[in-house]
Protein backbone atom coordinates (compact mmCIF):
# COMPACT_ATOMS: atom_id res chain seq x y z
CA MET A 1 -49.09 185.29 -39.07
CA LYS A 2 -47.30 188.57 -39.62
CA LYS A 3 -46.46 188.93 -35.92
CA ALA A 4 -42.96 188.14 -34.70
CA PHE A 5 -42.95 184.78 -32.92
CA PRO A 6 -40.93 184.16 -29.73
CA ARG A 7 -37.46 182.84 -30.52
CA MET A 8 -37.99 179.41 -28.94
CA ALA A 9 -41.31 179.00 -30.74
CA GLN A 10 -39.60 179.77 -34.05
CA VAL A 11 -36.92 177.18 -33.31
CA ALA A 12 -39.45 174.49 -32.42
CA LEU A 13 -41.62 175.21 -35.44
CA CYS A 14 -38.74 175.30 -37.91
CA SER A 15 -37.31 172.06 -36.53
CA VAL A 16 -40.57 170.20 -36.95
CA LEU A 17 -41.42 171.65 -40.35
CA LEU A 18 -37.96 170.82 -41.65
CA ALA A 19 -38.27 167.29 -40.30
CA ALA A 20 -41.52 166.91 -42.22
CA SER A 21 -40.03 168.36 -45.40
CA VAL A 22 -37.13 165.92 -45.17
CA ALA A 23 -39.59 163.03 -45.04
CA TRP A 24 -40.96 164.21 -48.37
CA ALA A 25 -37.45 164.36 -49.81
CA GLN A 26 -36.89 160.64 -49.43
CA ASN A 27 -37.49 160.03 -53.14
CA ALA A 28 -35.05 162.74 -54.22
CA PRO A 29 -31.80 161.44 -55.73
CA PRO A 30 -28.66 161.70 -53.56
CA LEU A 31 -26.40 164.71 -53.97
CA LYS A 32 -22.96 163.51 -55.05
CA GLY A 33 -19.80 165.54 -55.33
CA GLU A 34 -16.14 166.06 -54.59
CA VAL A 35 -15.34 167.83 -51.32
CA LEU A 36 -13.55 171.10 -52.04
CA GLU A 37 -13.76 172.68 -48.59
CA VAL A 38 -14.68 171.56 -45.07
CA LYS A 39 -15.91 173.69 -42.16
CA ASP A 40 -16.53 171.92 -38.85
CA VAL A 41 -18.72 173.46 -36.16
CA PRO A 42 -20.26 171.90 -33.04
CA GLY A 43 -22.64 169.20 -34.24
CA TYR A 44 -22.18 169.82 -37.96
CA THR A 45 -19.84 169.61 -40.90
CA TYR A 46 -20.33 172.09 -43.74
CA LEU A 47 -19.03 170.93 -47.11
CA ARG A 48 -18.40 172.84 -50.31
CA LEU A 49 -18.98 170.32 -53.08
CA LYS A 50 -18.15 170.13 -56.75
CA THR A 51 -21.11 168.40 -58.38
CA ALA A 52 -22.20 167.70 -61.93
CA ALA A 53 -24.44 170.76 -61.71
CA GLY A 54 -21.73 173.03 -60.29
CA GLU A 55 -20.55 173.98 -56.82
CA THR A 56 -22.86 173.94 -53.83
CA TRP A 57 -22.66 173.94 -50.04
CA ALA A 58 -24.08 171.12 -47.94
CA ALA A 59 -24.42 170.46 -44.21
CA VAL A 60 -24.41 167.08 -42.47
CA THR A 61 -24.00 165.74 -38.94
CA THR A 62 -20.37 166.00 -37.76
CA ALA A 63 -18.23 163.79 -39.99
CA GLY A 64 -14.51 163.24 -40.52
CA VAL A 65 -14.59 164.19 -44.19
CA LYS A 66 -11.45 165.33 -45.98
CA THR A 67 -11.04 167.50 -49.05
CA GLY A 68 -10.61 165.57 -52.27
CA THR A 69 -12.95 162.76 -51.26
CA THR A 70 -16.25 162.07 -53.01
CA VAL A 71 -19.38 161.93 -50.86
CA SER A 72 -23.03 161.10 -51.37
CA ILE A 73 -25.70 162.94 -49.37
CA VAL A 74 -29.06 161.21 -49.10
CA ASN A 75 -32.45 162.74 -48.27
CA PRO A 76 -31.29 166.13 -49.60
CA THR A 77 -33.35 169.18 -48.68
CA THR A 78 -32.43 172.54 -50.22
CA MET A 79 -32.70 175.77 -48.26
CA GLN A 80 -32.49 179.24 -49.79
CA ASN A 81 -30.91 182.22 -48.01
CA PHE A 82 -29.94 180.21 -44.93
CA GLN A 83 -28.22 182.16 -42.15
CA SER A 84 -25.68 180.19 -40.12
CA LYS A 85 -25.07 182.08 -36.90
CA VAL A 86 -22.19 179.87 -35.83
CA LEU A 87 -20.35 180.61 -39.09
CA ASN A 88 -21.64 184.18 -39.25
CA ARG A 89 -22.47 183.58 -42.88
CA GLN A 90 -25.50 183.52 -45.12
CA PHE A 91 -25.69 180.82 -47.79
CA ASP A 92 -27.67 181.70 -50.90
CA ARG A 93 -28.31 177.98 -51.30
CA ILE A 94 -27.39 175.03 -49.09
CA VAL A 95 -28.38 171.36 -49.03
CA PHE A 96 -29.10 169.57 -45.75
CA GLY A 97 -29.00 165.78 -45.62
CA SER A 98 -27.26 162.68 -44.31
CA LEU A 99 -23.99 161.14 -45.48
CA ASP A 100 -24.26 157.78 -47.19
CA GLY A 101 -21.67 155.00 -47.24
CA PRO A 102 -18.44 154.75 -45.16
CA ALA A 103 -18.50 158.43 -44.27
CA ALA A 104 -21.81 157.95 -42.50
CA GLY A 105 -20.30 155.26 -40.31
CA ALA A 106 -17.41 157.52 -39.44
CA ALA A 107 -19.82 160.26 -38.46
CA SER A 108 -21.69 157.88 -36.18
CA MET A 109 -18.48 156.84 -34.43
CA ALA A 110 -17.41 160.45 -34.02
CA LEU A 111 -20.64 161.27 -32.20
CA LYS A 112 -20.47 158.37 -29.71
CA GLY A 113 -20.07 159.74 -26.22
CA ALA A 114 -20.31 163.32 -27.43
CA PRO A 115 -22.79 165.80 -25.89
CA THR A 116 -26.05 166.23 -27.75
CA THR A 117 -26.12 168.96 -30.35
CA ALA A 118 -29.08 170.47 -28.49
CA ALA A 119 -26.54 171.76 -25.97
CA VAL A 120 -23.83 172.93 -28.32
CA SER A 121 -25.11 173.79 -31.77
CA PRO A 122 -26.57 177.26 -32.50
CA ASP A 123 -27.81 175.93 -35.84
CA LEU A 124 -29.67 172.95 -34.32
CA GLN A 125 -33.04 174.05 -35.64
CA MET A 126 -31.83 173.45 -39.19
CA ARG A 127 -30.63 169.89 -38.62
CA PRO A 128 -32.58 167.40 -40.78
CA MET A 129 -34.14 164.64 -38.70
CA ALA A 130 -35.53 162.05 -41.10
CA PRO A 131 -37.92 159.43 -39.73
CA ALA A 132 -36.79 155.82 -39.62
CA THR A 133 -39.43 154.83 -42.12
CA ALA A 134 -40.36 157.32 -44.82
CA ALA A 135 -43.69 157.21 -46.61
CA PRO A 136 -43.70 157.51 -50.38
CA ALA A 137 -44.96 160.72 -51.92
CA PRO A 138 -48.77 160.63 -51.89
CA VAL A 139 -50.80 160.23 -55.05
CA VAL A 140 -54.20 161.87 -54.73
CA ALA A 141 -57.09 161.10 -57.07
CA LYS A 142 -59.02 163.97 -58.61
CA LEU A 143 -61.61 165.26 -56.14
CA ALA A 144 -64.69 167.33 -56.82
CA LYS A 145 -64.27 170.97 -55.85
CA ALA A 146 -66.22 172.29 -52.86
CA SER A 147 -69.51 173.84 -53.91
CA GLY A 148 -70.64 177.41 -53.33
CA PRO A 149 -69.14 180.84 -54.06
CA GLU A 150 -66.19 180.21 -51.75
CA GLY A 151 -65.32 176.86 -53.31
CA ARG A 152 -61.84 176.65 -54.81
CA SER A 153 -59.53 173.87 -55.93
CA VAL A 154 -56.05 173.61 -54.44
CA ALA A 155 -54.53 174.77 -57.72
CA GLU A 156 -56.85 177.80 -57.84
CA VAL A 157 -55.77 178.88 -54.35
CA VAL A 158 -52.10 178.59 -55.24
CA GLN A 159 -52.28 180.06 -58.72
CA THR A 160 -54.67 182.95 -57.96
CA ARG A 161 -53.40 183.68 -54.46
CA THR A 162 -52.88 187.38 -55.21
CA THR A 163 -56.53 187.82 -56.06
CA LEU A 164 -57.65 185.65 -53.13
CA LYS A 165 -55.42 187.33 -50.54
CA ASP A 166 -57.28 187.86 -47.22
CA LYS A 167 -60.43 186.28 -48.64
CA THR A 168 -62.26 183.25 -47.29
CA VAL A 169 -62.12 180.07 -49.35
CA LEU A 170 -63.52 176.57 -49.04
CA VAL A 171 -61.24 173.78 -50.25
CA ARG A 172 -62.03 170.08 -50.43
CA GLY A 173 -58.93 167.92 -50.34
CA GLN A 174 -57.15 164.89 -48.98
CA VAL A 175 -54.82 165.32 -46.02
CA VAL A 176 -51.37 164.18 -47.12
CA LYS A 177 -49.22 165.49 -44.26
CA VAL A 178 -49.86 166.64 -40.68
CA ASN A 179 -47.77 168.46 -38.06
CA ALA A 180 -49.90 168.63 -34.91
CA GLY A 181 -49.72 170.94 -31.92
CA ILE A 182 -47.12 173.40 -33.20
CA MET A 183 -47.54 176.86 -31.65
CA GLY A 184 -51.09 175.96 -30.69
CA LYS A 185 -52.06 175.01 -34.23
CA ASN A 186 -52.20 171.98 -36.47
CA TRP A 187 -50.50 172.26 -39.86
CA LEU A 188 -52.04 170.17 -42.63
CA HIS A 189 -51.19 169.80 -46.31
CA LEU A 190 -54.15 169.24 -48.63
CA GLN A 191 -54.20 167.95 -52.19
CA ASP A 192 -57.18 167.37 -54.49
CA GLY A 193 -55.60 166.08 -57.68
CA SER A 194 -55.44 169.54 -59.26
CA GLY A 195 -52.27 171.44 -60.08
CA SER A 196 -48.75 170.18 -60.65
CA ALA A 197 -46.03 168.97 -58.31
CA LYS A 198 -43.46 170.66 -60.57
CA ASP A 199 -44.56 174.17 -59.57
CA GLY A 200 -46.10 173.29 -56.21
CA SER A 201 -49.65 174.12 -57.28
CA ASN A 202 -50.88 170.64 -56.27
CA ASP A 203 -50.51 171.24 -52.52
CA VAL A 204 -51.70 173.88 -50.07
CA LEU A 205 -50.83 174.34 -46.40
CA VAL A 206 -53.72 174.80 -43.96
CA THR A 207 -53.52 175.86 -40.29
CA SER A 208 -56.34 174.89 -37.95
CA SER A 209 -57.18 174.33 -34.29
CA GLU A 210 -58.93 171.16 -35.46
CA LEU A 211 -57.14 167.98 -36.42
CA ALA A 212 -57.47 165.40 -39.18
CA LYS A 213 -55.29 162.45 -40.01
CA VAL A 214 -53.41 161.60 -43.17
CA GLY A 215 -55.77 160.08 -45.71
CA ASP A 216 -58.87 161.96 -44.50
CA ILE A 217 -60.86 163.89 -47.08
CA VAL A 218 -61.96 167.18 -45.54
CA GLN A 219 -63.41 170.55 -46.41
CA ALA A 220 -61.29 173.36 -45.02
CA ARG A 221 -62.73 176.86 -44.73
CA GLY A 222 -60.27 179.60 -43.87
CA THR A 223 -58.55 182.81 -44.90
CA VAL A 224 -55.95 182.98 -47.66
CA ARG A 225 -52.66 184.51 -46.55
CA THR A 226 -49.78 185.24 -48.89
CA ASP A 227 -46.06 185.77 -48.46
CA VAL A 228 -46.06 184.37 -44.93
CA THR A 229 -42.65 184.36 -43.24
CA LEU A 230 -42.10 182.16 -40.19
CA GLY A 231 -38.46 183.05 -39.64
CA GLN A 232 -35.22 181.07 -40.05
CA GLY A 233 -35.62 180.86 -43.82
CA TYR A 234 -39.16 179.44 -43.82
CA ALA A 235 -41.54 181.34 -46.06
CA TYR A 236 -44.75 180.35 -47.81
CA ALA A 237 -46.16 182.02 -50.89
CA VAL A 238 -49.65 181.02 -49.77
CA LEU A 239 -51.49 179.20 -47.00
CA ILE A 240 -55.02 178.96 -45.63
CA GLU A 241 -55.10 180.27 -42.07
CA GLY A 242 -57.46 179.49 -39.18
CA ALA A 243 -59.45 176.91 -41.07
CA THR A 244 -62.43 174.99 -39.78
CA LEU A 245 -62.52 171.38 -40.94
CA ARG A 246 -65.48 169.27 -41.95
CA LYS A 247 -65.34 165.67 -43.15
């Protein structure tokens, strides 16, 4: 995972992983604020917003938004240290999402007959693509931990990742999210009822050549990797790599 991936592979992976993360953001409250600054680029509109929590930047599909108006951005997904090549600028924090209300309709009209952003937007890989129907956040019942010396709960893998780095673990969990066939691997999120959603210790990412579907309860045996960077702002504190799956 430490190797540099080909540029196109990075773009494809980041696009799909961001799409999946947006699906999970469906229950997040909209980001509302007054537009202080607008920057239009091919395919996108960047907005500097004044919100109740302070100023923040956001990015949405091209929209005719003017300064002084109040907008609401639904399905917000926050990215840290995002580099926009088209603006030649790095944002410490930026929110990606979709405009809600009249502004969304204006954006749709503006895009009619326009070329696809795949042809014109250097920042395409960061565009949120939410599914038409979003599933609610999963609720996983407490599962018994895998037996044996390698057995660990999801929370143990996340919370003791430094100690477990490069070691083999066996985790029993329920598959709550799947991205299949990305860079020759399947990317699965497992939960077992341990840990907390507040600090992310309730969920662990697993890569495998094998595939399971959402809802399956599996045992995943693989190697713990820490501080994994995939490029384009995607980094994981911990994941289980090259896992074999057993139901």
